Amino acid sequence: MLMVTAVTMDLNSEIKMRDIALSNRAARQAREDAGLDYCGGGKSLHEACLQANISPGEVLNRLRETVKDIGPEDRHWLAAPLCELTRHICEKHHRYVREMIPRTQALSDKVTAKHESNHPELGDITKLFAEVGREMIMHMQKEELVLFPCIDAVERAVIANGSIEPPFFQTVKNPVHAMMQEHDAAGHLIRVRTSEYAPPADACTSFKAPYQALREFEAGLHQQVHLENNVLFPRAVELEASAHMMQSD
């Protein structure tokens, strides 16, 4: 079975964001703490830092404290059957996002109704999260109904040494590209609007609750995006390309 090779970090400003994400959980957390774009796996650290207006050297120093071999969870998913990974994403990460959306929306609606007169930004944050929530639901449905079944079918065909029936979108590269663009769009919009999830100085405990929920939602979403962008999608594209090569021989 084909797999994406595990990554050992060669730390410099040209390292790809995907390689940082694959190294280990601590490195992902360091990147997240620095406020770097989580979705742009093909970007170099230098490019991501320029976009975020922070020093690459500062981030490299944080990353050097995390350097170690690839973590056991990622090592597992780099080798596990793709059907097992798609099922894991649906059962764990998609379920988490679906559960968090109404919970977070309810907290945000409650605080907005009570405090928007003094904090008009709350209305914008609430509307933005509602939009992101709707888009994520549609995004996950497209993965579950179209892309993931196609990836699973390609894997079954390869295992059985059978032919791959071309999907209506021709190649998994096309929906993979679309899904990655949607990941980028979900990105860090709410983080920016909430000033890094920092509630105002006069915020009471209930006021702080949606900010914390939004932070948790983003962290959970990042784990899903990591597994899809950095593990599932590259492996699926590689598997399909290899299958077509074998069929043409």
Protein backbone atom coordinates (compact mmCIF):
# COMPACT_ATOMS: atom_id res chain seq x y z
CA MET A 1 0.00 0.00 0.00
CA LEU A 2 1.32 3.41 -0.93
CA MET A 3 1.83 5.92 1.82
CA VAL A 4 3.17 9.41 2.28
CA THR A 5 6.65 9.25 3.79
CA ALA A 6 6.99 10.39 7.39
CA VAL A 7 8.68 13.72 7.83
CA THR A 8 11.68 14.62 9.93
CA MET A 9 12.00 18.36 10.22
CA ASP A 10 14.97 20.18 8.73
CA LEU A 11 14.29 23.46 10.44
CA ASN A 12 14.81 26.54 8.32
CA SER A 13 12.59 29.30 6.98
CA GLU A 14 11.87 27.36 3.77
CA ILE A 15 10.34 24.35 5.51
CA LYS A 16 6.80 23.71 4.29
CA MET A 17 3.91 24.24 6.67
CA ARG A 18 2.71 20.72 5.90
CA ASP A 19 6.03 19.28 7.10
CA ILE A 20 5.70 21.17 10.37
CA ALA A 21 2.19 19.78 10.84
CA LEU A 22 3.35 16.23 10.18
CA SER A 23 6.31 16.37 12.55
CA ASN A 24 4.41 16.12 15.84
CA ARG A 25 1.55 17.60 17.85
CA ALA A 26 3.80 20.00 19.77
CA ALA A 27 5.06 21.53 16.52
CA ARG A 28 1.49 22.01 15.32
CA GLN A 29 0.66 23.71 18.60
CA ALA A 30 3.69 26.00 18.29
CA ARG A 31 2.60 26.97 14.80
CA GLU A 32 -0.94 27.58 16.00
CA ASP A 33 0.22 29.65 18.97
CA ALA A 34 2.13 31.85 16.54
CA GLY A 35 -1.12 32.53 14.66
CA LEU A 36 0.12 31.07 11.39
CA ASP A 37 -2.24 30.00 8.63
CA TYR A 38 -3.05 26.39 9.43
CA CYS A 39 -4.43 25.43 6.04
CA GLY A 40 -1.74 26.54 3.62
CA GLY A 41 0.34 23.36 3.78
CA GLY A 42 2.26 24.16 0.60
CA LYS A 43 3.52 27.49 1.89
CA SER A 44 6.97 27.85 3.34
CA LEU A 45 7.40 29.03 6.91
CA HIS A 46 8.87 32.25 5.52
CA GLU A 47 5.80 32.90 3.35
CA ALA A 48 3.38 32.15 6.18
CA CYS A 49 5.26 34.44 8.57
CA LEU A 50 5.25 37.28 6.05
CA GLN A 51 1.50 36.89 5.67
CA ALA A 52 1.02 36.87 9.45
CA ASN A 53 3.53 39.72 9.96
CA ILE A 54 5.66 37.83 12.47
CA SER A 55 9.34 36.93 12.58
CA PRO A 56 10.33 33.55 11.08
CA GLY A 57 13.22 33.43 13.54
CA GLU A 58 10.85 33.66 16.49
CA VAL A 59 8.74 30.78 15.18
CA LEU A 60 11.83 28.69 14.39
CA ASN A 61 12.99 29.11 17.98
CA ARG A 62 9.64 27.78 19.21
CA LEU A 63 9.76 24.88 16.77
CA ARG A 64 13.30 23.87 17.75
CA GLU A 65 11.97 23.15 21.23
CA THR A 66 9.54 20.61 19.76
CA VAL A 67 11.80 18.69 17.39
CA LYS A 68 11.40 14.93 17.64
CA ASP A 69 10.26 12.07 15.45
CA ILE A 70 6.81 12.02 13.94
CA GLY A 71 4.12 11.38 16.54
CA PRO A 72 2.47 7.94 16.87
CA GLU A 73 -0.97 9.12 15.75
CA ASP A 74 0.31 10.62 12.50
CA ARG A 75 2.63 7.66 11.97
CA HIS A 76 -0.43 5.42 12.18
CA TRP A 77 -2.47 7.44 9.69
CA LEU A 78 0.41 7.64 7.22
CA ALA A 79 0.26 3.85 6.94
CA ALA A 80 -3.32 2.86 7.76
CA PRO A 81 -5.82 1.97 5.01
CA LEU A 82 -7.41 5.08 3.57
CA CYS A 83 -10.89 3.71 4.24
CA GLU A 84 -9.97 3.56 7.93
CA LEU A 85 -8.82 7.18 7.84
CA THR A 86 -11.93 8.48 6.04
CA ARG A 87 -14.10 6.64 8.57
CA HIS A 88 -12.09 8.10 11.46
CA ILE A 89 -12.47 11.63 10.08
CA CYS A 90 -16.23 11.20 9.71
CA GLU A 91 -16.84 9.51 13.06
CA LYS A 92 -14.57 11.68 15.17
CA HIS A 93 -13.84 15.01 13.52
CA HIS A 94 -16.99 15.59 11.49
CA ARG A 95 -19.10 14.55 14.46
CA TYR A 96 -17.19 16.96 16.69
CA VAL A 97 -17.72 19.89 14.30
CA ARG A 98 -21.44 19.08 13.98
CA GLU A 99 -21.81 19.00 17.76
CA MET A 100 -19.83 22.18 18.35
CA ILE A 101 -21.62 24.36 15.79
CA PRO A 102 -25.03 24.59 17.54
CA ARG A 103 -23.43 24.75 21.00
CA THR A 104 -21.13 27.60 20.01
CA GLN A 105 -23.86 29.39 18.07
CA ALA A 106 -26.20 29.29 21.07
CA LEU A 107 -23.53 30.77 23.37
CA SER A 108 -22.72 33.48 20.85
CA ASP A 109 -26.40 34.33 20.28
CA LYS A 110 -27.01 34.60 24.04
CA VAL A 111 -24.07 36.91 24.70
CA THR A 112 -24.81 39.03 21.62
CA ALA A 113 -28.42 39.59 22.70
CA LYS A 114 -27.26 40.78 26.12
CA HIS A 115 -24.12 42.78 25.31
CA GLU A 116 -24.26 43.91 21.68
CA SER A 117 -25.36 47.43 22.61
CA ASN A 118 -21.98 48.01 24.29
CA HIS A 119 -19.99 45.66 22.05
CA PRO A 120 -21.31 45.86 18.47
CA GLU A 121 -18.54 43.54 17.25
CA LEU A 122 -20.46 40.66 18.81
CA GLY A 123 -23.09 40.85 16.08
CA ASP A 124 -20.43 40.54 13.40
CA ILE A 125 -18.78 37.60 15.18
CA THR A 126 -22.10 35.79 15.57
CA LYS A 127 -23.03 36.26 11.91
CA LEU A 128 -19.57 35.20 10.78
CA PHE A 129 -19.67 32.02 12.83
CA ALA A 130 -23.15 31.18 11.51
CA GLU A 131 -21.80 31.53 7.97
CA VAL A 132 -18.73 29.40 8.72
CA GLY A 133 -20.97 26.79 10.36
CA ARG A 134 -23.25 26.54 7.33
CA GLU A 135 -20.27 26.27 5.00
CA MET A 136 -18.64 23.57 7.12
CA ILE A 137 -21.82 21.47 7.14
CA MET A 138 -21.99 21.60 3.34
CA HIS A 139 -18.25 20.95 3.11
CA MET A 140 -18.47 17.82 5.25
CA GLN A 141 -21.49 16.56 3.30
CA LYS A 142 -19.53 16.85 0.04
CA GLU A 143 -16.67 14.90 1.58
CA GLU A 144 -18.91 12.19 3.00
CA LEU A 145 -21.14 11.77 -0.07
CA VAL A 146 -18.68 12.35 -2.92
CA LEU A 147 -14.95 12.56 -2.17
CA PHE A 148 -14.48 9.97 0.56
CA PRO A 149 -16.47 7.24 -1.26
CA CYS A 150 -14.36 7.91 -4.35
CA ILE A 151 -11.12 7.58 -2.38
CA ASP A 152 -12.36 4.36 -0.80
CA ALA A 153 -13.29 2.99 -4.25
CA VAL A 154 -9.85 3.76 -5.64
CA GLU A 155 -8.24 1.94 -2.73
CA ARG A 156 -10.49 -1.11 -3.15
CA ALA A 157 -9.66 -1.26 -6.87
CA VAL A 158 -5.93 -1.09 -6.19
CA ILE A 159 -6.09 -3.82 -3.56
CA ALA A 160 -8.06 -6.06 -5.94
CA ASN A 161 -5.81 -5.20 -8.91
CA GLY A 162 -8.93 -4.05 -10.70
CA SER A 163 -9.62 -1.14 -12.98
CA ILE A 164 -10.64 2.25 -11.65
CA GLU A 165 -13.90 3.56 -13.03
CA PRO A 166 -13.37 7.29 -13.67
CA PRO A 167 -15.67 9.40 -11.46
CA PHE A 168 -17.75 12.20 -12.97
CA PHE A 169 -15.10 14.67 -11.76
CA GLN A 170 -12.41 12.72 -13.68
CA THR A 171 -9.78 12.55 -10.93
CA VAL A 172 -9.65 12.87 -7.13
CA LYS A 173 -7.33 15.83 -7.66
CA ASN A 174 -10.30 17.99 -8.62
CA PRO A 175 -12.44 17.62 -5.46
CA VAL A 176 -9.28 17.50 -3.33
CA HIS A 177 -8.29 20.89 -4.72
CA ALA A 178 -11.81 22.22 -4.07
CA MET A 179 -11.84 20.90 -0.48
CA MET A 180 -8.44 22.44 0.26
CA GLN A 181 -9.64 25.81 -1.05
CA GLU A 182 -12.63 25.59 1.27
CA HIS A 183 -10.31 24.77 4.18
CA ASP A 184 -8.38 27.94 3.37
CA ALA A 185 -11.60 29.95 3.32
CA ALA A 186 -12.65 28.61 6.75
CA GLY A 187 -9.11 29.36 7.96
CA HIS A 188 -8.69 32.01 10.60
CA LEU A 189 -11.50 34.50 9.85
CA ILE A 190 -13.04 34.28 13.31
CA ARG A 191 -9.64 34.36 15.03
CA VAL A 192 -8.93 37.70 13.34
CA ARG A 193 -12.36 39.19 14.12
CA THR A 194 -12.16 38.20 17.81
CA SER A 195 -8.61 39.57 18.22
CA GLU A 196 -7.14 36.10 18.84
CA TYR A 197 -10.16 35.09 20.97
CA ALA A 198 -9.39 37.76 23.55
CA PRO A 199 -12.63 39.00 25.16
CA PRO A 200 -12.80 42.68 26.14
CA ALA A 201 -11.50 43.76 29.52
CA ASP A 202 -15.00 44.23 30.96
CA ALA A 203 -16.19 40.76 29.96
CA CYS A 204 -17.97 38.72 32.61
CA THR A 205 -17.74 34.93 32.84
CA SER A 206 -20.73 34.32 30.55
CA PHE A 207 -19.33 36.86 28.06
CA LYS A 208 -16.07 34.89 27.86
CA ALA A 209 -17.82 31.56 27.19
CA PRO A 210 -18.37 31.96 23.43
CA TYR A 211 -14.79 33.16 22.95
CA GLN A 212 -13.53 29.97 24.60
CA ALA A 213 -15.97 27.88 22.55
CA LEU A 214 -14.77 29.52 19.35
CA ARG A 215 -11.16 28.79 20.30
CA GLU A 216 -12.03 25.13 20.96
CA PHE A 217 -13.97 24.93 17.69
CA GLU A 218 -10.98 26.23 15.74
CA ALA A 219 -8.60 23.81 17.47
CA GLY A 220 -10.84 20.84 16.64
CA LEU A 221 -11.28 22.01 13.08
CA HIS A 222 -7.50 22.30 12.72
CA GLN A 223 -7.05 18.64 13.61
CA GLN A 224 -9.51 17.68 10.87
CA VAL A 225 -7.84 19.96 8.32
CA HIS A 226 -4.43 18.56 9.24
CA LEU A 227 -5.49 14.97 8.67
CA GLU A 228 -7.18 15.82 5.38
CA ASN A 229 -4.73 18.30 3.84
CA ASN A 230 -1.52 16.71 5.05
CA VAL A 231 -2.29 12.99 5.17
CA LEU A 232 -5.48 11.84 3.43
CA PHE A 233 -5.45 14.03 0.33
CA PRO A 234 -1.76 13.55 -0.62
CA ARG A 235 -2.06 9.80 -0.10
CA ALA A 236 -5.24 9.62 -2.19
CA VAL A 237 -3.72 11.57 -5.08
CA GLU A 238 -0.57 9.42 -4.95
CA LEU A 239 -2.59 6.20 -4.88
CA GLU A 240 -4.73 7.22 -7.85
CA ALA A 241 -1.69 8.26 -9.90
CA SER A 242 0.06 4.97 -9.16
CA ALA A 243 -3.06 3.00 -10.11
CA HIS A 244 -3.29 4.75 -13.47
CA MET A 245 0.39 4.04 -14.12
CA MET A 246 -0.10 0.34 -13.41
CA GLN A 247 -3.11 0.20 -15.72
CA SER A 248 -1.19 1.84 -18.56
CA ASP A 249 1.71 -0.65 -18.34
